[in-house]
Each structure stands twice: as structure tokens, then as C-alpha cells.
Amino acid sequence: MLVPLTRQKFEQVVPLIATGLQYKYYWGKFSNFLQRLLISVVAVVVILLAIVIFKLEFASIVFVLGVISAFFWLWYPVFQASMRNLQCRRYKYGGFFRGRVLDWWITDQLIGKTETVNNKGELVIIENREKQINLEIGDDTGFSIEFVAPLRPAHKVITRGQIAEMVVMSNRPDLSSIDEFSDIYFPNRDLWVSDYPFLRRDFFNEVGRRLREDQQQKPRRRRRRVED
């Protein structure tokens, strides 16, 4: 089932400003925090040196630049998430898609390599791999997509035939060509599968709940007509 979303609803479920989950995603590991903190310190030092050496008199501008630089470690994840959200919102049309799990499988993804030296002085390359879950989601019309996300312990409850929901994005009004899609929600398990959490989950769940209610009510209305 593919239901077109109004532009207003699409922009509600795909936020412009980073949500808490999106901020957490781009906050990263402790090493990422240290890198941002180092950039903040260096930027502040450069501004202070510029003030001393060039005797800058634009106090208000320098102050603003100093504040921005000092809190770079804090606001940069918001900027990263908001830019990624903006890429999705550039699509002209969005739709709510409900299908089922046609297939799933586990793969190993190479995410990086580390070079080190062993006790014999020999160069050793260590491959950093991450297990990923691959999902094929489709419906009765023949439409299907393949989705890849890092494997989590909660994913063990996923089975073939389970209902899966997501938002799809396109530049065509009939959604005949899908250019991007969001993370996947399994309503029967209240489970999200994602790498990056694209959606405002509270709004998305509300959209899904209303569509489920509409589907349940339609057969009842038909029976009433027959009885009349």
C-alpha cells in the first residue's frame, strides 16, 4: 500500500531541525566529540590572536564569531543532521508505504582498516567489519526496496511476512519512481530499523495509526451497505 502524503504532512514527518535521535546520531563517539572540541579550541585561539595582532575593532562581530567557535562542538551535530534532513525535504513528493518483509539476510560490511605493527616489527592490517541486516520490503503490486542497516540484538524478532512501514520520497507526483526512503517501522513489534533516524517518530506513528483505522473501517461500511 502506497498513500501519497500532503506537503504539510511530509514536512512534519521529515523535520527540518534535528530531532534528539538525529542529534545523538551525529554526536558520534567520544573521539568525534574530542575532534570537535579541538576545532573549537583552535578556532578560539585563532580569533584571539587575530584580535591581538591586527587589533580588530569590530567587537560585536568578533564576539559572535568567538561564541560560534567556542560552541562548535555543541552545535555542529545539529547542523549536520539538519543538512541531511534538508536533502530529503528537497524531494517534491512523499508517500506512506506499508508492505511486508519478503526476505532478510545478514552480511559483513568493511567499515575501515587499521594499520599496526606486531611484535616482530611487521606491518599488520586489521579490518574493521560491522554486521548488517539486509531487508527486502515489498507489497502485492510488485513494488519492493532493499534496505541495509547496522545489525542490532532487537532485530532478531524480524521474520518474513511481517508488516513494515516507511516514508518514500520522489520527484514525481504519482510516486512512480522512488528516489529515497526512510528508516523502517514494524508496528506489530514497535521496532525501528535504521542507520540514520530520518523521521519524527511521533508524527509518523500517528499517520500510520490513522491509516490502519481507515483500513479497518472500510470493510465495515461495505457490510452495512449490503445489509441495507
C-alpha atoms as a PDB file:
ATOM      1  CA  MET A   1       0.000   0.000   0.000  1.00  0.00           C
ATOM      2  CA  LEU A   2       1.331   3.391  -1.005  1.00  0.00           C
ATOM      3  CA  VAL A   3      -0.540   6.511   0.138  1.00  0.00           C
ATOM      4  CA  PRO A   4       0.602   9.990  -1.013  1.00  0.00           C
ATOM      5  CA  LEU A   5       1.279  12.480   1.775  1.00  0.00           C
ATOM      6  CA  THR A   6       0.390  16.137   1.616  1.00  0.00           C
ATOM      7  CA  ARG A   7       3.348  18.507   1.613  1.00  0.00           C
ATOM      8  CA  GLN A   8       2.432  19.668   5.105  1.00  0.00           C
ATOM      9  CA  LYS A   9       2.339  16.121   6.473  1.00  0.00           C
ATOM     10  CA  PHE A  10       5.555  15.209   4.645  1.00  0.00           C
ATOM     11  CA  GLU A  11       7.379  18.142   6.242  1.00  0.00           C
ATOM     12  CA  GLN A  12       6.021  17.132   9.640  1.00  0.00           C
ATOM     13  CA  VAL A  13       7.385  13.592   9.489  1.00  0.00           C
ATOM     14  CA  VAL A  14      10.689  14.698   7.899  1.00  0.00           C
ATOM     15  CA  PRO A  15      11.793  17.550  10.199  1.00  0.00           C
ATOM     16  CA  LEU A  16      13.964  20.462   9.175  1.00  0.00           C
ATOM     17  CA  ILE A  17      15.734  20.920  12.510  1.00  0.00           C
ATOM     18  CA  ALA A  18      17.467  17.926  14.061  1.00  0.00           C
ATOM     19  CA  THR A  19      15.491  15.773  16.488  1.00  0.00           C
ATOM     20  CA  GLY A  20      17.028  14.313  19.627  1.00  0.00           C
ATOM     21  CA  LEU A  21      17.726  10.978  17.935  1.00  0.00           C
ATOM     22  CA  GLN A  22      19.309  12.697  14.939  1.00  0.00           C
ATOM     23  CA  TYR A  23      21.475  14.839  17.215  1.00  0.00           C
ATOM     24  CA  LYS A  24      22.601  11.703  19.047  1.00  0.00           C
ATOM     25  CA  TYR A  25      23.449  10.027  15.736  1.00  0.00           C
ATOM     26  CA  TYR A  26      25.776  12.851  14.678  1.00  0.00           C
ATOM     27  CA  TRP A  27      27.150  13.358  18.170  1.00  0.00           C
ATOM     28  CA  GLY A  28      29.093  10.185  17.485  1.00  0.00           C
ATOM     29  CA  LYS A  29      31.645   8.547  19.699  1.00  0.00           C
ATOM     30  CA  PHE A  30      33.904  10.169  22.259  1.00  0.00           C
ATOM     31  CA  SER A  31      36.625  10.528  19.625  1.00  0.00           C
ATOM     32  CA  ASN A  32      34.225  12.564  17.457  1.00  0.00           C
ATOM     33  CA  PHE A  33      33.495  14.831  20.411  1.00  0.00           C
ATOM     34  CA  LEU A  34      37.223  15.350  21.001  1.00  0.00           C
ATOM     35  CA  GLN A  35      37.746  16.294  17.352  1.00  0.00           C
ATOM     36  CA  ARG A  36      35.005  18.920  17.516  1.00  0.00           C
ATOM     37  CA  LEU A  37      36.331  20.217  20.832  1.00  0.00           C
ATOM     38  CA  LEU A  38      39.823  20.562  19.347  1.00  0.00           C
ATOM     39  CA  ILE A  39      38.397  22.542  16.422  1.00  0.00           C
ATOM     40  CA  SER A  40      36.604  24.832  18.897  1.00  0.00           C
ATOM     41  CA  VAL A  41      39.776  25.458  20.881  1.00  0.00           C
ATOM     42  CA  VAL A  42      41.868  26.138  17.779  1.00  0.00           C
ATOM     43  CA  ALA A  43      39.239  28.497  16.337  1.00  0.00           C
ATOM     44  CA  VAL A  44      39.016  30.493  19.571  1.00  0.00           C
ATOM     45  CA  VAL A  45      42.808  30.753  19.789  1.00  0.00           C
ATOM     46  CA  VAL A  46      42.997  31.966  16.174  1.00  0.00           C
ATOM     47  CA  ILE A  47      40.355  34.628  16.859  1.00  0.00           C
ATOM     48  CA  LEU A  48      42.194  35.825  19.980  1.00  0.00           C
ATOM     49  CA  LEU A  49      45.491  36.011  18.112  1.00  0.00           C
ATOM     50  CA  ALA A  50      43.825  37.926  15.294  1.00  0.00           C
ATOM     51  CA  ILE A  51      42.449  40.434  17.801  1.00  0.00           C
ATOM     52  CA  VAL A  52      45.876  40.964  19.377  1.00  0.00           C
ATOM     53  CA  ILE A  53      47.913  41.053  16.159  1.00  0.00           C
ATOM     54  CA  PHE A  54      45.570  43.011  13.916  1.00  0.00           C
ATOM     55  CA  LYS A  55      43.891  44.990  16.720  1.00  0.00           C
ATOM     56  CA  LEU A  56      40.414  44.312  15.420  1.00  0.00           C
ATOM     57  CA  GLU A  57      37.822  46.858  16.480  1.00  0.00           C
ATOM     58  CA  PHE A  58      34.644  45.092  15.370  1.00  0.00           C
ATOM     59  CA  ALA A  59      33.819  43.986  18.884  1.00  0.00           C
ATOM     60  CA  SER A  60      30.291  42.694  18.224  1.00  0.00           C
ATOM     61  CA  ILE A  61      31.292  40.674  15.159  1.00  0.00           C
ATOM     62  CA  VAL A  62      34.342  39.231  16.902  1.00  0.00           C
ATOM     63  CA  PHE A  63      32.217  38.330  19.916  1.00  0.00           C
ATOM     64  CA  VAL A  64      29.684  36.485  17.750  1.00  0.00           C
ATOM     65  CA  LEU A  65      32.441  34.612  15.920  1.00  0.00           C
ATOM     66  CA  GLY A  66      34.010  33.726  19.251  1.00  0.00           C
ATOM     67  CA  VAL A  67      30.764  32.306  20.624  1.00  0.00           C
ATOM     68  CA  ILE A  68      30.126  30.318  17.447  1.00  0.00           C
ATOM     69  CA  SER A  69      33.656  28.912  17.533  1.00  0.00           C
ATOM     70  CA  ALA A  70      33.600  28.163  21.254  1.00  0.00           C
ATOM     71  CA  PHE A  71      30.398  26.108  20.950  1.00  0.00           C
ATOM     72  CA  PHE A  72      31.242  24.416  17.658  1.00  0.00           C
ATOM     73  CA  TRP A  73      31.470  21.072  19.466  1.00  0.00           C
ATOM     74  CA  LEU A  74      27.863  21.515  20.612  1.00  0.00           C
ATOM     75  CA  TRP A  75      26.007  22.879  17.561  1.00  0.00           C
ATOM     76  CA  TYR A  76      27.800  21.095  14.709  1.00  0.00           C
ATOM     77  CA  PRO A  77      25.812  17.811  15.101  1.00  0.00           C
ATOM     78  CA  VAL A  78      22.612  19.873  14.767  1.00  0.00           C
ATOM     79  CA  PHE A  79      23.961  21.404  11.558  1.00  0.00           C
ATOM     80  CA  GLN A  80      24.923  18.011  10.118  1.00  0.00           C
ATOM     81  CA  ALA A  81      21.528  16.460  10.854  1.00  0.00           C
ATOM     82  CA  SER A  82      19.620  19.494   9.571  1.00  0.00           C
ATOM     83  CA  MET A  83      21.545  19.453   6.292  1.00  0.00           C
ATOM     84  CA  ARG A  84      20.753  15.762   5.830  1.00  0.00           C
ATOM     85  CA  ASN A  85      17.096  16.431   6.571  1.00  0.00           C
ATOM     86  CA  LEU A  86      17.131  19.237   4.024  1.00  0.00           C
ATOM     87  CA  GLN A  87      18.320  16.830   1.351  1.00  0.00           C
ATOM     88  CA  CYS A  88      15.215  14.703   1.948  1.00  0.00           C
ATOM     89  CA  ARG A  89      12.864  17.687   2.050  1.00  0.00           C
ATOM     90  CA  ARG A  90      14.108  18.746  -1.389  1.00  0.00           C
ATOM     91  CA  TYR A  91      12.077  15.917  -2.871  1.00  0.00           C
ATOM     92  CA  LYS A  92       8.775  17.323  -4.057  1.00  0.00           C
ATOM     93  CA  TYR A  93       6.562  14.410  -3.033  1.00  0.00           C
ATOM     94  CA  GLY A  94       6.355  11.873  -0.256  1.00  0.00           C
ATOM     95  CA  GLY A  95       4.273   8.814   0.465  1.00  0.00           C
ATOM     96  CA  PHE A  96       3.450   6.442   3.283  1.00  0.00           C
ATOM     97  CA  PHE A  97       4.352   2.890   2.278  1.00  0.00           C
ATOM     98  CA  ARG A  98       3.161  -0.257   4.030  1.00  0.00           C
ATOM     99  CA  GLY A  99       4.438  -3.607   2.863  1.00  0.00           C
ATOM    100  CA  ARG A 100       5.789  -6.869   4.226  1.00  0.00           C
ATOM    101  CA  VAL A 101       9.197  -8.420   4.733  1.00  0.00           C
ATOM    102  CA  LEU A 102       9.816 -10.524   1.634  1.00  0.00           C
ATOM    103  CA  ASP A 103      13.275 -11.630   2.711  1.00  0.00           C
ATOM    104  CA  TRP A 104      16.116 -10.776   5.074  1.00  0.00           C
ATOM    105  CA  TRP A 105      19.763 -11.767   5.441  1.00  0.00           C
ATOM    106  CA  ILE A 106      22.910 -10.823   7.339  1.00  0.00           C
ATOM    107  CA  THR A 107      26.131  -9.539   5.765  1.00  0.00           C
ATOM    108  CA  ASP A 108      29.515  -8.249   6.909  1.00  0.00           C
ATOM    109  CA  GLN A 109      30.435  -4.728   5.822  1.00  0.00           C
ATOM    110  CA  LEU A 110      34.009  -3.439   5.776  1.00  0.00           C
ATOM    111  CA  ILE A 111      33.881  -0.049   7.522  1.00  0.00           C
ATOM    112  CA  GLY A 112      37.594   0.684   7.800  1.00  0.00           C
ATOM    113  CA  LYS A 113      41.130  -0.577   8.119  1.00  0.00           C
ATOM    114  CA  THR A 114      43.706  -0.034  10.840  1.00  0.00           C
ATOM    115  CA  GLU A 115      47.447  -0.412  10.323  1.00  0.00           C
ATOM    116  CA  THR A 116      49.581  -1.563  13.237  1.00  0.00           C
ATOM    117  CA  VAL A 117      52.907  -3.260  13.905  1.00  0.00           C
ATOM    118  CA  ASN A 118      53.205  -6.633  15.602  1.00  0.00           C
ATOM    119  CA  ASN A 119      55.940  -7.826  17.962  1.00  0.00           C
ATOM    120  CA  LYS A 120      58.154  -8.791  15.037  1.00  0.00           C
ATOM    121  CA  GLY A 121      58.027  -5.308  13.551  1.00  0.00           C
ATOM    122  CA  GLU A 122      55.821  -6.430  10.691  1.00  0.00           C
ATOM    123  CA  LEU A 123      53.028  -4.258   9.351  1.00  0.00           C
ATOM    124  CA  VAL A 124      49.623  -5.747  10.093  1.00  0.00           C
ATOM    125  CA  ILE A 125      46.358  -4.505   8.585  1.00  0.00           C
ATOM    126  CA  ILE A 126      43.292  -5.049  10.742  1.00  0.00           C
ATOM    127  CA  GLU A 127      39.928  -4.886   9.009  1.00  0.00           C
ATOM    128  CA  ASN A 128      37.053  -3.346  10.943  1.00  0.00           C
ATOM    129  CA  ARG A 129      33.830  -5.053   9.956  1.00  0.00           C
ATOM    130  CA  GLU A 130      30.240  -4.498  11.001  1.00  0.00           C
ATOM    131  CA  LYS A 131      27.363  -6.939  10.719  1.00  0.00           C
ATOM    132  CA  GLN A 132      24.411  -5.532   8.821  1.00  0.00           C
ATOM    133  CA  ILE A 133      20.840  -6.623   8.329  1.00  0.00           C
ATOM    134  CA  ASN A 134      19.513  -6.566   4.768  1.00  0.00           C
ATOM    135  CA  LEU A 135      15.757  -6.309   4.302  1.00  0.00           C
ATOM    136  CA  GLU A 136      13.667  -6.701   1.169  1.00  0.00           C
ATOM    137  CA  ILE A 137      10.312  -4.975   1.688  1.00  0.00           C
ATOM    138  CA  GLY A 138       7.513  -5.194  -0.869  1.00  0.00           C
ATOM    139  CA  ASP A 139       3.756  -5.316  -1.453  1.00  0.00           C
ATOM    140  CA  ASP A 140       1.219  -7.058  -3.688  1.00  0.00           C
ATOM    141  CA  THR A 141       1.782  -4.622  -6.578  1.00  0.00           C
ATOM    142  CA  GLY A 142       5.331  -5.878  -7.105  1.00  0.00           C
ATOM    143  CA  PHE A 143       6.992  -2.799  -5.654  1.00  0.00           C
ATOM    144  CA  SER A 144       9.964  -3.632  -3.438  1.00  0.00           C
ATOM    145  CA  ILE A 145      13.019  -1.977  -1.934  1.00  0.00           C
ATOM    146  CA  GLU A 146      16.190  -3.266  -0.323  1.00  0.00           C
ATOM    147  CA  PHE A 147      17.225  -1.680   2.953  1.00  0.00           C
ATOM    148  CA  VAL A 148      20.521  -2.035   4.834  1.00  0.00           C
ATOM    149  CA  ALA A 149      21.178  -1.061   8.451  1.00  0.00           C
ATOM    150  CA  PRO A 150      23.612  -1.999  11.232  1.00  0.00           C
ATOM    151  CA  LEU A 151      22.539  -5.220  12.947  1.00  0.00           C
ATOM    152  CA  ARG A 152      21.158  -4.841  16.471  1.00  0.00           C
ATOM    153  CA  PRO A 153      20.068  -7.503  19.015  1.00  0.00           C
ATOM    154  CA  ALA A 154      16.451  -6.282  18.748  1.00  0.00           C
ATOM    155  CA  HIS A 155      16.379  -7.301  15.074  1.00  0.00           C
ATOM    156  CA  LYS A 156      16.169 -10.991  15.992  1.00  0.00           C
ATOM    157  CA  VAL A 157      12.349 -10.680  16.158  1.00  0.00           C
ATOM    158  CA  ILE A 158      12.115  -9.801  12.438  1.00  0.00           C
ATOM    159  CA  THR A 159      10.597 -12.542  10.309  1.00  0.00           C
ATOM    160  CA  ARG A 160       9.344 -12.910   6.758  1.00  0.00           C
ATOM    161  CA  GLY A 161       5.793 -11.684   6.274  1.00  0.00           C
ATOM    162  CA  GLN A 162       5.899  -9.016   8.990  1.00  0.00           C
ATOM    163  CA  ILE A 163       4.251  -5.677   8.232  1.00  0.00           C
ATOM    164  CA  ALA A 164       6.754  -2.882   7.634  1.00  0.00           C
ATOM    165  CA  GLU A 165       6.107   0.850   7.202  1.00  0.00           C
ATOM    166  CA  MET A 166       8.198   3.741   5.933  1.00  0.00           C
ATOM    167  CA  VAL A 167       8.137   7.058   4.105  1.00  0.00           C
ATOM    168  CA  VAL A 168       9.226   7.116   0.454  1.00  0.00           C
ATOM    169  CA  MET A 169      10.316  10.204  -1.486  1.00  0.00           C
ATOM    170  CA  SER A 170      10.085  11.114  -5.149  1.00  0.00           C
ATOM    171  CA  ASN A 171      10.070  13.994  -7.589  1.00  0.00           C
ATOM    172  CA  ARG A 172       7.098  12.534  -9.445  1.00  0.00           C
ATOM    173  CA  PRO A 173       3.555  13.295  -8.256  1.00  0.00           C
ATOM    174  CA  ASP A 174       2.370   9.711  -8.854  1.00  0.00           C
ATOM    175  CA  LEU A 175       5.351   8.293  -6.888  1.00  0.00           C
ATOM    176  CA  SER A 176       6.071   6.002  -9.815  1.00  0.00           C
ATOM    177  CA  SER A 177       9.811   6.411  -9.250  1.00  0.00           C
ATOM    178  CA  ILE A 178      11.153   6.261  -5.686  1.00  0.00           C
ATOM    179  CA  ASP A 179      14.398   8.170  -5.140  1.00  0.00           C
ATOM    180  CA  GLU A 180      14.823   7.853  -1.366  1.00  0.00           C
ATOM    181  CA  PHE A 181      13.211   6.136   1.598  1.00  0.00           C
ATOM    182  CA  SER A 182      13.329   6.491   5.350  1.00  0.00           C
ATOM    183  CA  ASP A 183      14.019   4.126   8.205  1.00  0.00           C
ATOM    184  CA  ILE A 184      11.582   1.223   8.641  1.00  0.00           C
ATOM    185  CA  TYR A 185       8.998   0.724  11.378  1.00  0.00           C
ATOM    186  CA  PHE A 186       7.485  -2.612  12.410  1.00  0.00           C
ATOM    187  CA  PRO A 187       4.181  -1.706  14.134  1.00  0.00           C
ATOM    188  CA  ASN A 188       3.499  -5.212  15.439  1.00  0.00           C
ATOM    189  CA  ARG A 189       6.800  -5.127  17.340  1.00  0.00           C
ATOM    190  CA  ASP A 190       7.078  -1.379  17.922  1.00  0.00           C
ATOM    191  CA  LEU A 191      10.541  -1.707  16.385  1.00  0.00           C
ATOM    192  CA  TRP A 192      12.526   0.744  14.284  1.00  0.00           C
ATOM    193  CA  VAL A 193      15.284  -0.420  11.945  1.00  0.00           C
ATOM    194  CA  SER A 194      17.563   2.337  10.746  1.00  0.00           C
ATOM    195  CA  ASP A 195      21.014   3.688  10.283  1.00  0.00           C
ATOM    196  CA  TYR A 196      20.035   7.352  10.340  1.00  0.00           C
ATOM    197  CA  PRO A 197      16.660   8.169  12.002  1.00  0.00           C
ATOM    198  CA  PHE A 198      15.061  10.273   9.254  1.00  0.00           C
ATOM    199  CA  LEU A 199      11.588  10.678  10.753  1.00  0.00           C
ATOM    200  CA  ARG A 200       9.752  12.418  13.561  1.00  0.00           C
ATOM    201  CA  ARG A 201       8.548   9.156  15.003  1.00  0.00           C
ATOM    202  CA  ASP A 202       5.617  10.570  16.943  1.00  0.00           C
ATOM    203  CA  PHE A 203       4.132  12.133  13.782  1.00  0.00           C
ATOM    204  CA  PHE A 204       4.854   9.031  11.721  1.00  0.00           C
ATOM    205  CA  ASN A 205       3.158   6.748  14.234  1.00  0.00           C
ATOM    206  CA  GLU A 206       0.104   8.991  14.186  1.00  0.00           C
ATOM    207  CA  VAL A 207      -0.090   8.808  10.384  1.00  0.00           C
ATOM    208  CA  GLY A 208       0.253   5.035  10.495  1.00  0.00           C
ATOM    209  CA  ARG A 209      -2.393   4.688  13.202  1.00  0.00           C
ATOM    210  CA  ARG A 210      -4.942   6.718  11.215  1.00  0.00           C
ATOM    211  CA  LEU A 211      -4.351   4.711   8.052  1.00  0.00           C
ATOM    212  CA  ARG A 212      -4.734   1.451   9.956  1.00  0.00           C
ATOM    213  CA  GLU A 213      -8.023   2.681  11.413  1.00  0.00           C
ATOM    214  CA  ASP A 214      -9.241   3.697   7.948  1.00  0.00           C
ATOM    215  CA  GLN A 215      -8.456   0.242   6.587  1.00  0.00           C
ATOM    216  CA  GLN A 216     -10.353  -1.422   9.431  1.00  0.00           C
ATOM    217  CA  GLN A 217     -13.408   0.786   8.929  1.00  0.00           C
ATOM    218  CA  LYS A 218     -13.770   0.341   5.153  1.00  0.00           C
ATOM    219  CA  PRO A 219     -14.928  -3.319   5.211  1.00  0.00           C
ATOM    220  CA  ARG A 220     -17.493  -2.493   7.923  1.00  0.00           C
ATOM    221  CA  ARG A 221     -19.012   0.250   5.766  1.00  0.00           C
ATOM    222  CA  ARG A 222     -19.358  -2.150   2.853  1.00  0.00           C
ATOM    223  CA  ARG A 223     -21.200  -4.687   5.018  1.00  0.00           C
ATOM    224  CA  ARG A 224     -23.660  -2.019   6.140  1.00  0.00           C
ATOM    225  CA  ARG A 225     -24.494  -1.163   2.538  1.00  0.00           C
ATOM    226  CA  VAL A 226     -25.118  -4.835   1.743  1.00  0.00           C
ATOM    227  CA  GLU A 227     -27.390  -5.210   4.770  1.00  0.00           C
ATOM    228  CA  ASP A 228     -29.347  -2.096   3.797  1.00  0.00           C
END
